[in-house]
């Protein structure tokens, strides 16, 4: 859709506008909700992102994209336990989900659960050795611990 194209081009306001128009016709369109939730997240509108991701999860409780978007939004609001919960559910769907592993690791780090954070970072690096975020996070954890 055009909304997804806008999102991919980082034209998040345009993506939100188009996704909202789609939702005006098809209120439970999970694709439009996904696009809007992720666009809100990228604009630091985390409560809006959580609202849309939650709406998706009411339709499809195992929607991995919605779980990851909501987990990351929770993390950005310092709701670390909620972020860990959603990331863990996402990992139950796909244990190789490095986005979920990174979100959960940084949430663990913020809760001073260093061993859990290291485990997730090491798992992400095993799956994706060139994962720069995980690599930098591993260095950060080592310097704190």
Protein backbone atom coordinates (compact mmCIF):
# COMPACT_ATOMS: atom_id res chain seq x y z
CA UNK A 1 0.00 0.00 0.00
CA UNK A 2 0.95 3.62 -0.28
CA UNK A 3 0.93 3.88 3.52
CA UNK A 4 3.59 1.17 3.75
CA UNK A 5 5.65 2.91 1.08
CA UNK A 6 5.50 6.13 3.07
CA UNK A 7 6.57 4.26 6.19
CA UNK A 8 9.50 2.70 4.36
CA UNK A 9 10.51 6.17 3.14
CA UNK A 10 10.35 7.48 6.72
CA UNK A 11 7.45 9.74 5.80
CA UNK A 12 5.67 8.72 8.98
CA UNK A 13 3.05 11.49 9.08
CA UNK A 14 1.97 10.55 5.55
CA UNK A 15 1.93 6.86 6.49
CA UNK A 16 -0.27 7.62 9.50
CA UNK A 17 -2.64 9.71 7.38
CA UNK A 18 -3.02 6.96 4.75
CA UNK A 19 -3.33 4.16 7.31
CA UNK A 20 -5.98 6.17 9.17
CA UNK A 21 -7.92 6.59 5.91
CA UNK A 22 -7.80 2.81 5.36
CA UNK A 23 -8.96 2.23 8.93
CA UNK A 24 -11.90 4.56 8.31
CA UNK A 25 -13.12 2.02 5.74
CA UNK A 26 -11.78 -1.20 7.31
CA UNK A 27 -11.51 -0.55 11.08
CA UNK A 28 -9.85 -3.90 11.84
CA UNK A 29 -7.32 -3.91 9.01
CA UNK A 30 -4.29 -5.28 10.87
CA UNK A 31 -1.89 -4.20 8.12
CA UNK A 32 -3.00 -0.57 8.38
CA UNK A 33 -2.87 -0.78 12.17
CA UNK A 34 0.67 -2.22 11.94
CA UNK A 35 1.82 0.60 9.68
CA UNK A 36 0.27 3.24 11.90
CA UNK A 37 1.57 1.68 15.15
CA UNK A 38 5.11 1.49 13.80
CA UNK A 39 4.91 5.02 12.38
CA UNK A 40 3.72 6.36 15.72
CA UNK A 41 6.63 4.57 17.39
CA UNK A 42 9.11 6.15 15.01
CA UNK A 43 7.66 9.58 15.86
CA UNK A 44 8.02 8.86 19.60
CA UNK A 45 4.25 8.76 20.01
CA UNK A 46 4.51 5.67 22.15
CA UNK A 47 1.06 5.73 23.74
CA UNK A 48 -0.54 5.89 20.27
CA UNK A 49 1.74 3.09 19.11
CA UNK A 50 0.76 0.93 22.10
CA UNK A 51 -2.93 1.61 21.47
CA UNK A 52 -2.72 0.45 17.83
CA UNK A 53 -0.49 -2.54 18.63
CA UNK A 54 -2.94 -3.60 21.33
CA UNK A 55 -5.81 -3.33 18.84
CA UNK A 56 -3.89 -5.64 16.48
CA UNK A 57 -3.24 -8.14 19.28
CA UNK A 58 -6.95 -8.23 20.10
CA UNK A 59 -7.50 -9.38 16.49
CA UNK A 60 -4.39 -11.57 16.24
CA UNK A 61 -2.78 -12.35 19.62
CA UNK A 62 0.33 -13.82 17.97
CA UNK A 63 1.11 -10.95 15.62
CA UNK A 64 4.86 -10.72 16.02
CA UNK A 65 5.20 -7.28 14.48
CA UNK A 66 2.61 -5.86 16.90
CA UNK A 67 4.30 -7.56 19.84
CA UNK A 68 7.68 -6.11 18.89
CA UNK A 69 6.28 -2.63 18.23
CA UNK A 70 4.44 -2.61 21.54
CA UNK A 71 7.44 -4.04 23.43
CA UNK A 72 9.72 -1.35 22.06
CA UNK A 73 7.16 1.37 22.83
CA UNK A 74 6.84 0.08 26.39
CA UNK A 75 10.63 0.11 26.68
CA UNK A 76 10.81 3.71 25.53
CA UNK A 77 8.29 4.62 28.24
CA UNK A 78 10.44 2.77 30.83
CA UNK A 79 7.76 0.13 31.25
CA UNK A 80 10.42 -2.56 31.24
CA UNK A 81 8.38 -5.43 32.67
CA UNK A 82 5.73 -4.91 29.98
CA UNK A 83 8.44 -4.74 27.32
CA UNK A 84 9.98 -7.99 28.58
CA UNK A 85 6.57 -9.68 28.58
CA UNK A 86 5.82 -8.77 24.94
CA UNK A 87 9.33 -9.54 23.73
CA UNK A 88 9.15 -12.93 25.45
CA UNK A 89 5.86 -13.72 23.69
CA UNK A 90 7.42 -12.67 20.37
CA UNK A 91 10.36 -14.99 21.06
CA UNK A 92 7.92 -17.80 21.76
CA UNK A 93 6.70 -17.35 18.18
CA UNK A 94 10.18 -17.04 16.67
CA UNK A 95 13.15 -17.77 18.93
CA UNK A 96 15.48 -16.17 16.36
CA UNK A 97 13.80 -12.75 16.53
CA UNK A 98 16.80 -10.51 17.16
CA UNK A 99 14.64 -7.39 17.46
CA UNK A 100 12.79 -8.99 20.39
CA UNK A 101 16.07 -10.21 21.89
CA UNK A 102 17.56 -6.71 21.73
CA UNK A 103 14.44 -5.07 23.19
CA UNK A 104 14.34 -7.58 26.00
CA UNK A 105 18.10 -7.29 26.65
CA UNK A 106 18.02 -3.52 27.04
CA UNK A 107 14.95 -3.83 29.26
CA UNK A 108 16.81 -6.34 31.44
CA UNK A 109 19.77 -3.97 31.52
CA UNK A 110 17.56 -1.15 32.78
CA UNK A 111 16.30 -3.44 35.53
CA UNK A 112 19.92 -4.35 36.40
CA UNK A 113 19.31 -7.97 35.39
CA UNK A 114 22.74 -8.15 33.79
CA UNK A 115 23.01 -11.91 33.33
CA UNK A 116 19.64 -12.03 31.55
CA UNK A 117 20.70 -9.09 29.36
CA UNK A 118 24.00 -10.76 28.45
CA UNK A 119 22.21 -14.02 27.61
CA UNK A 120 19.86 -12.25 25.18
CA UNK A 121 22.64 -10.21 23.60
CA UNK A 122 24.83 -13.28 23.16
CA UNK A 123 21.88 -15.14 21.61
CA UNK A 124 21.26 -12.26 19.20
CA UNK A 125 24.94 -12.21 18.24
CA UNK A 126 24.93 -15.98 17.71
CA UNK A 127 21.96 -15.64 15.36
CA UNK A 128 23.24 -12.50 13.66
CA UNK A 129 26.98 -11.96 14.25
CA UNK A 130 26.95 -8.57 12.48
CA UNK A 131 24.18 -7.20 14.74
CA UNK A 132 25.74 -3.84 15.63
CA UNK A 133 23.11 -2.95 18.21
CA UNK A 134 23.68 -6.22 20.09
CA UNK A 135 27.43 -5.84 19.83
CA UNK A 136 27.35 -2.31 21.25
CA UNK A 137 24.94 -3.39 23.96
CA UNK A 138 27.27 -6.27 24.90
CA UNK A 139 30.14 -3.78 25.29
CA UNK A 140 27.97 -1.49 27.40
CA UNK A 141 26.86 -4.31 29.70
CA UNK A 142 30.46 -5.46 30.15
CA UNK A 143 31.50 -1.93 31.15
CA UNK A 144 28.71 -1.66 33.73
CA UNK A 145 28.86 -5.13 35.21
